Amino acid sequence: MEAKVESNVEDNNLGSILEGVEDKMGHGLMFADIIEVGKKLNALVDTGASDLFMSEGAALKLGLNIENESSRIKTVNSESVLIKGVPKGKNLQLGGWTG
């Protein structure tokens, strides 16, 4: 029963996050405006993703300090790849949600 309650909480959080976002459709994909380190960006929304990702170039343009990490990521129909690192101490704003 506990897992079901936790799942409902996650669904409610996602709903409240996306509620205040103006979505933009393109080729069947949903894009949303986000704010990262005070800069407004347009991002692809993947409601099934467990983590957020950006290119190394985008991180550099935003001035994010990346802590090196030796983790790997794998997406559908692809080989796993090393990540460059993880930004620490920065918040992302999506609609009325900040985290």
C-alpha atoms as a PDB file:
ATOM      1  CA  MET A   1       0.000   0.000   0.000  1.00  0.00           C
ATOM      2  CA  GLU A   2       2.862   2.354   0.784  1.00  0.00           C
ATOM      3  CA  ALA A   3       4.279   2.151  -2.763  1.00  0.00           C
ATOM      4  CA  LYS A   4       0.905   3.080  -4.233  1.00  0.00           C
ATOM      5  CA  VAL A   5       0.639   6.173  -2.022  1.00  0.00           C
ATOM      6  CA  GLU A   6       4.167   7.208  -3.022  1.00  0.00           C
ATOM      7  CA  SER A   7       3.281   6.766  -6.703  1.00  0.00           C
ATOM      8  CA  ASN A   8       0.193   8.969  -6.296  1.00  0.00           C
ATOM      9  CA  VAL A   9       2.309  11.654  -4.623  1.00  0.00           C
ATOM     10  CA  GLU A  10       4.735  11.553  -7.563  1.00  0.00           C
ATOM     11  CA  ASP A  11       1.832  11.818 -10.033  1.00  0.00           C
ATOM     12  CA  ASN A  12       0.427  14.798  -8.110  1.00  0.00           C
ATOM     13  CA  ASN A  13       3.841  16.492  -8.060  1.00  0.00           C
ATOM     14  CA  LEU A  14       4.212  16.042 -11.818  1.00  0.00           C
ATOM     15  CA  GLY A  15       0.705  17.411 -12.354  1.00  0.00           C
ATOM     16  CA  SER A  16       1.427  20.505 -10.283  1.00  0.00           C
ATOM     17  CA  ILE A  17       4.730  21.026 -12.080  1.00  0.00           C
ATOM     18  CA  LEU A  18       3.212  20.827 -15.550  1.00  0.00           C
ATOM     19  CA  GLU A  19       0.048  22.743 -14.600  1.00  0.00           C
ATOM     20  CA  GLY A  20       1.739  26.145 -14.732  1.00  0.00           C
ATOM     21  CA  VAL A  21       3.802  25.474 -17.832  1.00  0.00           C
ATOM     22  CA  GLU A  22       2.826  26.726 -21.256  1.00  0.00           C
ATOM     23  CA  ASP A  23       3.524  23.756 -23.477  1.00  0.00           C
ATOM     24  CA  LYS A  24       4.623  24.036 -27.073  1.00  0.00           C
ATOM     25  CA  MET A  25       3.983  21.125 -29.380  1.00  0.00           C
ATOM     26  CA  GLY A  26       6.368  20.217 -32.157  1.00  0.00           C
ATOM     27  CA  HIS A  27       6.400  17.011 -34.192  1.00  0.00           C
ATOM     28  CA  GLY A  28       4.368  15.236 -31.494  1.00  0.00           C
ATOM     29  CA  LEU A  29       6.781  16.300 -28.738  1.00  0.00           C
ATOM     30  CA  MET A  30       6.030  18.624 -25.827  1.00  0.00           C
ATOM     31  CA  PHE A  31       8.372  21.513 -25.088  1.00  0.00           C
ATOM     32  CA  ALA A  32       8.183  23.866 -22.103  1.00  0.00           C
ATOM     33  CA  ASP A  33       9.905  27.057 -21.020  1.00  0.00           C
ATOM     34  CA  ILE A  34      12.170  26.503 -18.015  1.00  0.00           C
ATOM     35  CA  ILE A  35      14.426  28.814 -16.033  1.00  0.00           C
ATOM     36  CA  GLU A  36      17.926  27.598 -15.173  1.00  0.00           C
ATOM     37  CA  VAL A  37      20.368  29.894 -13.342  1.00  0.00           C
ATOM     38  CA  GLY A  38      18.128  32.848 -14.186  1.00  0.00           C
ATOM     39  CA  LYS A  39      18.032  32.143 -17.933  1.00  0.00           C
ATOM     40  CA  LYS A  40      14.842  31.189 -19.771  1.00  0.00           C
ATOM     41  CA  LEU A  41      15.271  28.105 -21.970  1.00  0.00           C
ATOM     42  CA  ASN A  42      13.027  25.879 -24.060  1.00  0.00           C
ATOM     43  CA  ALA A  43      13.232  22.217 -23.020  1.00  0.00           C
ATOM     44  CA  LEU A  44      11.834  18.917 -24.236  1.00  0.00           C
ATOM     45  CA  VAL A  45       9.507  17.451 -21.583  1.00  0.00           C
ATOM     46  CA  ASP A  46       9.798  13.695 -20.984  1.00  0.00           C
ATOM     47  CA  THR A  47       7.299  12.790 -18.275  1.00  0.00           C
ATOM     48  CA  GLY A  48       8.748   9.277 -18.021  1.00  0.00           C
ATOM     49  CA  ALA A  49      12.353  10.345 -17.436  1.00  0.00           C
ATOM     50  CA  SER A  50      14.008   9.652 -14.110  1.00  0.00           C
ATOM     51  CA  ASP A  51      16.609  12.399 -14.513  1.00  0.00           C
ATOM     52  CA  LEU A  52      17.232  15.619 -16.426  1.00  0.00           C
ATOM     53  CA  PHE A  53      19.983  15.872 -19.028  1.00  0.00           C
ATOM     54  CA  MET A  54      21.644  18.622 -21.035  1.00  0.00           C
ATOM     55  CA  SER A  55      24.593  18.822 -23.377  1.00  0.00           C
ATOM     56  CA  GLU A  56      28.003  19.829 -22.106  1.00  0.00           C
ATOM     57  CA  GLY A  57      27.803  22.887 -24.373  1.00  0.00           C
ATOM     58  CA  ALA A  58      24.515  24.008 -22.804  1.00  0.00           C
ATOM     59  CA  ALA A  59      25.974  23.588 -19.305  1.00  0.00           C
ATOM     60  CA  LEU A  60      29.007  25.691 -20.267  1.00  0.00           C
ATOM     61  CA  LYS A  61      26.815  28.438 -21.773  1.00  0.00           C
ATOM     62  CA  LEU A  62      24.839  28.564 -18.511  1.00  0.00           C
ATOM     63  CA  GLY A  63      28.039  28.777 -16.477  1.00  0.00           C
ATOM     64  CA  LEU A  64      27.224  25.652 -14.481  1.00  0.00           C
ATOM     65  CA  ASN A  65      30.007  24.183 -12.373  1.00  0.00           C
ATOM     66  CA  ILE A  66      30.101  20.505 -13.228  1.00  0.00           C
ATOM     67  CA  GLU A  67      31.472  17.994 -10.723  1.00  0.00           C
ATOM     68  CA  ASN A  68      33.108  15.091 -12.566  1.00  0.00           C
ATOM     69  CA  GLU A  69      31.373  11.777 -12.185  1.00  0.00           C
ATOM     70  CA  SER A  70      31.969   8.315 -13.612  1.00  0.00           C
ATOM     71  CA  SER A  71      28.309   7.338 -14.053  1.00  0.00           C
ATOM     72  CA  ARG A  72      26.804   6.084 -17.290  1.00  0.00           C
ATOM     73  CA  ILE A  73      23.406   6.667 -18.874  1.00  0.00           C
ATOM     74  CA  LYS A  74      21.501   4.534 -21.339  1.00  0.00           C
ATOM     75  CA  THR A  75      18.523   5.513 -23.415  1.00  0.00           C
ATOM     76  CA  VAL A  76      16.234   3.283 -25.443  1.00  0.00           C
ATOM     77  CA  ASN A  77      17.905   1.646 -28.454  1.00  0.00           C
ATOM     78  CA  SER A  78      21.372   2.997 -27.676  1.00  0.00           C
ATOM     79  CA  GLU A  79      24.633   2.012 -26.038  1.00  0.00           C
ATOM     80  CA  SER A  80      25.368   3.361 -22.563  1.00  0.00           C
ATOM     81  CA  VAL A  81      27.646   6.406 -22.478  1.00  0.00           C
ATOM     82  CA  LEU A  82      29.693   8.122 -19.790  1.00  0.00           C
ATOM     83  CA  ILE A  83      28.325  11.377 -18.430  1.00  0.00           C
ATOM     84  CA  LYS A  84      30.590  14.408 -18.074  1.00  0.00           C
ATOM     85  CA  GLY A  85      29.362  15.272 -14.594  1.00  0.00           C
ATOM     86  CA  VAL A  86      26.600  16.691 -12.440  1.00  0.00           C
ATOM     87  CA  PRO A  87      25.901  20.357 -11.622  1.00  0.00           C
ATOM     88  CA  LYS A  88      25.627  20.922  -7.878  1.00  0.00           C
ATOM     89  CA  GLY A  89      23.846  23.632  -5.920  1.00  0.00           C
ATOM     90  CA  LYS A  90      21.620  24.934  -8.732  1.00  0.00           C
ATOM     91  CA  ASN A  91      17.839  25.074  -8.917  1.00  0.00           C
ATOM     92  CA  LEU A  92      15.620  24.571 -11.933  1.00  0.00           C
ATOM     93  CA  GLN A  93      12.304  26.414 -12.259  1.00  0.00           C
ATOM     94  CA  LEU A  94       9.499  24.783 -14.228  1.00  0.00           C
ATOM     95  CA  GLY A  95       6.250  26.710 -14.065  1.00  0.00           C
ATOM     96  CA  GLY A  96       5.600  27.481 -10.403  1.00  0.00           C
ATOM     97  CA  TRP A  97       7.818  24.621  -9.229  1.00  0.00           C
ATOM     98  CA  THR A  98      11.457  25.095  -8.207  1.00  0.00           C
ATOM     99  CA  GLY A  99      13.760  22.247  -7.295  1.00  0.00           C
END
